[in-house]
Amino acid sequence: MKKVILLLLIIIFSISTFGQKSEFKLIALDSTWGQEVIRFPARHMDYIGVGEIRFPPKRSWIKPEHPFFWSYTYAWNINVNRKIPEKELEIALVKYFNSLNKVDMNAATDNRYASAKMTKTKKEKLTTYFKGYVKTFDRFATNKRIKLNVLIESSYCKKKQRTFILFKFSPKNFNHTIWRTLKKIKIYNHLCNNQ
């Protein structure tokens, strides 16, 4: 009997551990891209869920001379059972970048305070596309203000009553070749079915 209980505990633990690791696998990229994971609520945001940030290989995102400087992608799997409008995305990005730079949300006069502007560009079934920019502070490499262009895909999963958002950032203009790579990045298409 003890062996059966022990075996069941091992199986349950294995399933639980696997589930925890897979919940952070949102972006379909290979292991050469660096990864950081976040559990929400975080970054001054009240959403419940998880986030996955993926950085280009060899820490190139932090090297000002590299084409991939500040170019990366970020995905959210959050408990929002509705479509998210532009203004809410703008506020969420300001909160994210202010938190990243350790800026008080009440200190709008701080030179490092972020701002964001998004415009809805297209809608397909349950996915809405946005284009815009974030003005923020680069505390990692240059200690200067930086403007990041951003593309966003926000997908509402009605079946799971969750929202999946994929952000793609780069200071390069949208016609730069770096965006060819960024535009190919997708979230896993099975997430809505298997969540």
C-alpha atoms as a PDB file:
ATOM      1  CA  MET A   1       0.000   0.000   0.000  1.00  0.00           C
ATOM      2  CA  LYS A   2       2.828   2.433   0.849  1.00  0.00           C
ATOM      3  CA  LYS A   3       4.385   1.779  -2.558  1.00  0.00           C
ATOM      4  CA  VAL A   4       1.111   2.592  -4.321  1.00  0.00           C
ATOM      5  CA  ILE A   5       0.729   5.855  -2.365  1.00  0.00           C
ATOM      6  CA  LEU A   6       4.356   6.770  -3.054  1.00  0.00           C
ATOM      7  CA  LEU A   7       3.907   6.034  -6.766  1.00  0.00           C
ATOM      8  CA  LEU A   8       0.751   8.176  -6.887  1.00  0.00           C
ATOM      9  CA  LEU A   9       2.556  11.049  -5.144  1.00  0.00           C
ATOM     10  CA  ILE A  10       5.424  10.834  -7.635  1.00  0.00           C
ATOM     11  CA  ILE A  11       2.998  10.874 -10.574  1.00  0.00           C
ATOM     12  CA  ILE A  12       1.063  13.846  -9.163  1.00  0.00           C
ATOM     13  CA  PHE A  13       4.297  15.742  -8.461  1.00  0.00           C
ATOM     14  CA  SER A  14       5.573  15.020 -11.978  1.00  0.00           C
ATOM     15  CA  ILE A  15       2.354  16.248 -13.566  1.00  0.00           C
ATOM     16  CA  SER A  16       2.366  19.345 -11.362  1.00  0.00           C
ATOM     17  CA  THR A  17       6.008  20.135 -12.161  1.00  0.00           C
ATOM     18  CA  PHE A  18       5.480  19.634 -15.893  1.00  0.00           C
ATOM     19  CA  GLY A  19       2.397  21.877 -15.796  1.00  0.00           C
ATOM     20  CA  GLN A  20       4.320  24.660 -14.073  1.00  0.00           C
ATOM     21  CA  LYS A  21       7.110  24.599 -16.631  1.00  0.00           C
ATOM     22  CA  SER A  22       4.804  24.449 -19.652  1.00  0.00           C
ATOM     23  CA  GLU A  23       2.628  27.342 -18.479  1.00  0.00           C
ATOM     24  CA  PHE A  24       5.564  29.659 -19.172  1.00  0.00           C
ATOM     25  CA  LYS A  25       6.138  28.345 -22.713  1.00  0.00           C
ATOM     26  CA  LEU A  26       4.099  30.862 -24.630  1.00  0.00           C
ATOM     27  CA  ILE A  27       6.389  31.965 -27.465  1.00  0.00           C
ATOM     28  CA  ALA A  28       7.374  29.608 -30.286  1.00  0.00           C
ATOM     29  CA  LEU A  29      11.146  30.216 -30.337  1.00  0.00           C
ATOM     30  CA  ASP A  30      14.145  27.917 -30.015  1.00  0.00           C
ATOM     31  CA  SER A  31      16.407  27.671 -26.966  1.00  0.00           C
ATOM     32  CA  THR A  32      19.033  30.053 -28.399  1.00  0.00           C
ATOM     33  CA  TRP A  33      16.735  32.911 -27.371  1.00  0.00           C
ATOM     34  CA  GLY A  34      17.101  33.885 -23.719  1.00  0.00           C
ATOM     35  CA  GLN A  35      14.065  33.566 -21.469  1.00  0.00           C
ATOM     36  CA  GLU A  36      12.687  35.337 -18.423  1.00  0.00           C
ATOM     37  CA  VAL A  37       9.366  34.360 -16.867  1.00  0.00           C
ATOM     38  CA  ILE A  38       7.034  36.413 -14.707  1.00  0.00           C
ATOM     39  CA  ARG A  39       4.002  35.470 -12.690  1.00  0.00           C
ATOM     40  CA  PHE A  40       1.273  38.138 -12.533  1.00  0.00           C
ATOM     41  CA  PRO A  41       0.300  40.190 -10.607  1.00  0.00           C
ATOM     42  CA  ALA A  42       3.617  41.910 -11.212  1.00  0.00           C
ATOM     43  CA  ARG A  43       5.085  45.121 -12.592  1.00  0.00           C
ATOM     44  CA  HIS A  44       2.294  47.183 -10.935  1.00  0.00           C
ATOM     45  CA  MET A  45      -0.299  45.234 -12.949  1.00  0.00           C
ATOM     46  CA  ASP A  46      -3.230  43.439 -11.364  1.00  0.00           C
ATOM     47  CA  TYR A  47      -3.709  40.827 -14.074  1.00  0.00           C
ATOM     48  CA  ILE A  48      -3.465  37.203 -12.925  1.00  0.00           C
ATOM     49  CA  GLY A  49      -1.433  34.912 -15.152  1.00  0.00           C
ATOM     50  CA  VAL A  50       2.059  34.457 -16.526  1.00  0.00           C
ATOM     51  CA  GLY A  51       4.429  36.280 -18.830  1.00  0.00           C
ATOM     52  CA  GLU A  52       7.350  35.066 -20.920  1.00  0.00           C
ATOM     53  CA  ILE A  53      10.051  37.402 -22.237  1.00  0.00           C
ATOM     54  CA  ARG A  54      12.398  36.135 -24.972  1.00  0.00           C
ATOM     55  CA  PHE A  55      15.646  37.900 -25.863  1.00  0.00           C
ATOM     56  CA  PRO A  56      17.712  37.407 -29.049  1.00  0.00           C
ATOM     57  CA  PRO A  57      20.727  35.068 -28.829  1.00  0.00           C
ATOM     58  CA  LYS A  58      24.018  36.090 -27.198  1.00  0.00           C
ATOM     59  CA  ARG A  59      22.493  38.935 -25.164  1.00  0.00           C
ATOM     60  CA  SER A  60      22.541  41.055 -28.323  1.00  0.00           C
ATOM     61  CA  TRP A  61      19.528  43.054 -27.085  1.00  0.00           C
ATOM     62  CA  ILE A  62      21.765  44.830 -24.540  1.00  0.00           C
ATOM     63  CA  LYS A  63      24.556  45.773 -26.999  1.00  0.00           C
ATOM     64  CA  PRO A  64      23.973  49.239 -28.547  1.00  0.00           C
ATOM     65  CA  GLU A  65      26.102  48.396 -31.592  1.00  0.00           C
ATOM     66  CA  HIS A  66      24.124  45.228 -32.406  1.00  0.00           C
ATOM     67  CA  PRO A  67      21.156  45.295 -34.840  1.00  0.00           C
ATOM     68  CA  PHE A  68      19.046  43.484 -32.199  1.00  0.00           C
ATOM     69  CA  PHE A  69      19.663  46.173 -29.570  1.00  0.00           C
ATOM     70  CA  TRP A  70      16.501  46.454 -27.420  1.00  0.00           C
ATOM     71  CA  SER A  71      14.691  44.117 -29.838  1.00  0.00           C
ATOM     72  CA  TYR A  72      12.782  41.369 -28.068  1.00  0.00           C
ATOM     73  CA  THR A  73       9.370  39.797 -27.574  1.00  0.00           C
ATOM     74  CA  TYR A  74       7.079  39.422 -24.592  1.00  0.00           C
ATOM     75  CA  ALA A  75       3.906  37.323 -24.205  1.00  0.00           C
ATOM     76  CA  TRP A  76       1.166  37.330 -21.590  1.00  0.00           C
ATOM     77  CA  ASN A  77      -1.358  34.655 -20.671  1.00  0.00           C
ATOM     78  CA  ILE A  78      -3.751  36.567 -18.413  1.00  0.00           C
ATOM     79  CA  ASN A  79      -7.173  36.143 -16.811  1.00  0.00           C
ATOM     80  CA  VAL A  80      -8.908  38.809 -18.872  1.00  0.00           C
ATOM     81  CA  ASN A  81     -12.113  37.495 -20.433  1.00  0.00           C
ATOM     82  CA  ARG A  82     -12.646  40.401 -22.817  1.00  0.00           C
ATOM     83  CA  LYS A  83     -10.869  42.257 -25.568  1.00  0.00           C
ATOM     84  CA  ILE A  84      -8.312  44.768 -24.304  1.00  0.00           C
ATOM     85  CA  PRO A  85      -8.569  48.286 -25.791  1.00  0.00           C
ATOM     86  CA  GLU A  86      -5.681  50.519 -26.873  1.00  0.00           C
ATOM     87  CA  LYS A  87      -5.788  52.735 -23.767  1.00  0.00           C
ATOM     88  CA  GLU A  88      -5.510  49.769 -21.424  1.00  0.00           C
ATOM     89  CA  LEU A  89      -2.519  48.430 -23.377  1.00  0.00           C
ATOM     90  CA  GLU A  90      -0.878  51.860 -23.203  1.00  0.00           C
ATOM     91  CA  ILE A  91      -1.347  52.013 -19.423  1.00  0.00           C
ATOM     92  CA  ALA A  92      -0.069  48.442 -18.989  1.00  0.00           C
ATOM     93  CA  LEU A  93       3.068  49.225 -21.012  1.00  0.00           C
ATOM     94  CA  VAL A  94       3.726  52.397 -19.020  1.00  0.00           C
ATOM     95  CA  LYS A  95       3.404  50.364 -15.814  1.00  0.00           C
ATOM     96  CA  TYR A  96       5.679  47.625 -17.163  1.00  0.00           C
ATOM     97  CA  PHE A  97       8.462  49.969 -18.287  1.00  0.00           C
ATOM     98  CA  ASN A  98       8.218  52.174 -15.192  1.00  0.00           C
ATOM     99  CA  SER A  99       8.554  49.077 -13.033  1.00  0.00           C
ATOM    100  CA  LEU A 100      11.456  47.842 -15.150  1.00  0.00           C
ATOM    101  CA  ASN A 101      13.202  51.166 -14.564  1.00  0.00           C
ATOM    102  CA  LYS A 102      12.171  51.404 -10.899  1.00  0.00           C
ATOM    103  CA  VAL A 103      10.178  54.580 -11.526  1.00  0.00           C
ATOM    104  CA  ASP A 104       7.341  55.472  -9.169  1.00  0.00           C
ATOM    105  CA  MET A 105       4.008  55.474 -11.020  1.00  0.00           C
ATOM    106  CA  ASN A 106       3.136  58.722  -9.229  1.00  0.00           C
ATOM    107  CA  ALA A 107       6.295  60.496 -10.405  1.00  0.00           C
ATOM    108  CA  ALA A 108       5.197  61.638 -13.852  1.00  0.00           C
ATOM    109  CA  THR A 109       7.799  64.420 -13.755  1.00  0.00           C
ATOM    110  CA  ASP A 110      10.635  61.864 -13.492  1.00  0.00           C
ATOM    111  CA  ASN A 111      12.671  62.028 -16.727  1.00  0.00           C
ATOM    112  CA  ARG A 112      12.607  58.204 -16.848  1.00  0.00           C
ATOM    113  CA  TYR A 113       8.782  58.011 -16.778  1.00  0.00           C
ATOM    114  CA  ALA A 114       7.448  55.994 -19.725  1.00  0.00           C
ATOM    115  CA  SER A 115       4.746  56.914 -22.219  1.00  0.00           C
ATOM    116  CA  ALA A 116       3.001  54.772 -24.834  1.00  0.00           C
ATOM    117  CA  LYS A 117       0.759  55.243 -27.850  1.00  0.00           C
ATOM    118  CA  MET A 118      -1.085  52.401 -29.609  1.00  0.00           C
ATOM    119  CA  THR A 119      -3.403  52.284 -32.614  1.00  0.00           C
ATOM    120  CA  LYS A 120      -5.561  49.348 -33.626  1.00  0.00           C
ATOM    121  CA  THR A 121      -4.536  48.303 -37.140  1.00  0.00           C
ATOM    122  CA  LYS A 122      -6.518  45.156 -37.892  1.00  0.00           C
ATOM    123  CA  LYS A 123      -8.946  42.621 -36.444  1.00  0.00           C
ATOM    124  CA  GLU A 124      -9.317  38.951 -37.395  1.00  0.00           C
ATOM    125  CA  LYS A 125     -11.863  36.802 -35.549  1.00  0.00           C
ATOM    126  CA  LEU A 126     -10.614  36.869 -31.944  1.00  0.00           C
ATOM    127  CA  THR A 127      -7.241  38.549 -32.580  1.00  0.00           C
ATOM    128  CA  THR A 128      -6.742  42.304 -32.634  1.00  0.00           C
ATOM    129  CA  TYR A 129      -3.520  43.858 -33.939  1.00  0.00           C
ATOM    130  CA  PHE A 130      -1.975  47.095 -32.687  1.00  0.00           C
ATOM    131  CA  LYS A 131       0.971  49.223 -33.734  1.00  0.00           C
ATOM    132  CA  GLY A 132       2.632  51.976 -31.781  1.00  0.00           C
ATOM    133  CA  TYR A 133       5.553  52.999 -29.649  1.00  0.00           C
ATOM    134  CA  VAL A 134       6.816  53.274 -26.100  1.00  0.00           C
ATOM    135  CA  LYS A 135       9.129  56.041 -24.920  1.00  0.00           C
ATOM    136  CA  THR A 136      11.116  54.853 -21.939  1.00  0.00           C
ATOM    137  CA  PHE A 137      14.524  54.907 -20.293  1.00  0.00           C
ATOM    138  CA  ASP A 138      17.350  52.477 -21.030  1.00  0.00           C
ATOM    139  CA  ARG A 139      18.936  51.795 -17.643  1.00  0.00           C
ATOM    140  CA  PHE A 140      20.715  48.673 -18.914  1.00  0.00           C
ATOM    141  CA  ALA A 141      23.059  49.988 -21.608  1.00  0.00           C
ATOM    142  CA  THR A 142      22.981  53.704 -22.448  1.00  0.00           C
ATOM    143  CA  ASN A 143      21.291  55.450 -19.492  1.00  0.00           C
ATOM    144  CA  LYS A 144      19.350  57.523 -22.024  1.00  0.00           C
ATOM    145  CA  ARG A 145      15.749  57.773 -23.152  1.00  0.00           C
ATOM    146  CA  ILE A 146      14.788  55.413 -25.938  1.00  0.00           C
ATOM    147  CA  LYS A 147      11.811  55.020 -28.258  1.00  0.00           C
ATOM    148  CA  LEU A 148      10.719  51.439 -28.901  1.00  0.00           C
ATOM    149  CA  ASN A 149       8.396  50.659 -31.767  1.00  0.00           C
ATOM    150  CA  VAL A 150       5.942  47.921 -30.890  1.00  0.00           C
ATOM    151  CA  LEU A 151       3.606  45.489 -32.639  1.00  0.00           C
ATOM    152  CA  ILE A 152       0.963  43.744 -30.536  1.00  0.00           C
ATOM    153  CA  GLU A 153      -1.278  40.754 -31.194  1.00  0.00           C
ATOM    154  CA  SER A 154      -4.033  40.406 -28.597  1.00  0.00           C
ATOM    155  CA  SER A 155      -6.030  37.170 -28.804  1.00  0.00           C
ATOM    156  CA  TYR A 156      -9.062  36.477 -26.671  1.00  0.00           C
ATOM    157  CA  CYS A 157      -9.606  32.759 -26.013  1.00  0.00           C
ATOM    158  CA  LYS A 158     -13.343  32.468 -25.430  1.00  0.00           C
ATOM    159  CA  LYS A 159     -13.094  28.773 -24.558  1.00  0.00           C
ATOM    160  CA  LYS A 160     -10.724  29.455 -21.648  1.00  0.00           C
ATOM    161  CA  GLN A 161     -11.851  33.049 -20.956  1.00  0.00           C
ATOM    162  CA  ARG A 162      -8.247  34.216 -21.120  1.00  0.00           C
ATOM    163  CA  THR A 163      -6.311  36.685 -23.213  1.00  0.00           C
ATOM    164  CA  PHE A 164      -2.966  35.991 -24.864  1.00  0.00           C
ATOM    165  CA  ILE A 165      -0.944  39.046 -25.859  1.00  0.00           C
ATOM    166  CA  LEU A 166       2.260  39.012 -27.889  1.00  0.00           C
ATOM    167  CA  PHE A 167       4.416  42.157 -27.868  1.00  0.00           C
ATOM    168  CA  LYS A 168       7.329  42.727 -30.261  1.00  0.00           C
ATOM    169  CA  PHE A 169       9.693  45.611 -29.477  1.00  0.00           C
ATOM    170  CA  SER A 170      12.536  47.309 -31.344  1.00  0.00           C
ATOM    171  CA  PRO A 171      13.926  50.838 -31.613  1.00  0.00           C
ATOM    172  CA  LYS A 172      14.387  50.194 -35.343  1.00  0.00           C
ATOM    173  CA  ASN A 173      11.874  51.658 -37.806  1.00  0.00           C
ATOM    174  CA  PHE A 174       9.192  49.212 -38.950  1.00  0.00           C
ATOM    175  CA  ASN A 175      10.819  48.950 -42.410  1.00  0.00           C
ATOM    176  CA  HIS A 176      14.160  47.789 -40.932  1.00  0.00           C
ATOM    177  CA  THR A 177      15.163  44.166 -41.641  1.00  0.00           C
ATOM    178  CA  ILE A 178      15.027  43.353 -37.898  1.00  0.00           C
ATOM    179  CA  TRP A 179      11.229  43.395 -38.165  1.00  0.00           C
ATOM    180  CA  ARG A 180      11.332  40.478 -40.642  1.00  0.00           C
ATOM    181  CA  THR A 181      12.591  38.328 -37.776  1.00  0.00           C
ATOM    182  CA  LEU A 182      10.257  39.831 -35.184  1.00  0.00           C
ATOM    183  CA  LYS A 183       7.147  39.532 -37.376  1.00  0.00           C
ATOM    184  CA  LYS A 184       7.722  35.772 -37.746  1.00  0.00           C
ATOM    185  CA  ILE A 185       7.542  35.221 -33.980  1.00  0.00           C
ATOM    186  CA  LYS A 186       4.247  33.698 -32.829  1.00  0.00           C
ATOM    187  CA  ILE A 187       2.715  32.363 -29.669  1.00  0.00           C
ATOM    188  CA  TYR A 188       2.034  28.637 -29.638  1.00  0.00           C
ATOM    189  CA  ASN A 189      -1.213  28.031 -31.504  1.00  0.00           C
ATOM    190  CA  HIS A 190      -2.303  25.239 -29.111  1.00  0.00           C
ATOM    191  CA  LEU A 191      -2.523  27.515 -26.053  1.00  0.00           C
ATOM    192  CA  CYS A 192      -6.227  28.223 -26.349  1.00  0.00           C
ATOM    193  CA  ASN A 193      -7.091  24.538 -26.685  1.00  0.00           C
ATOM    194  CA  ASN A 194      -4.811  23.152 -23.965  1.00  0.00           C
ATOM    195  CA  GLN A 195      -4.971  25.791 -21.239  1.00  0.00           C
END
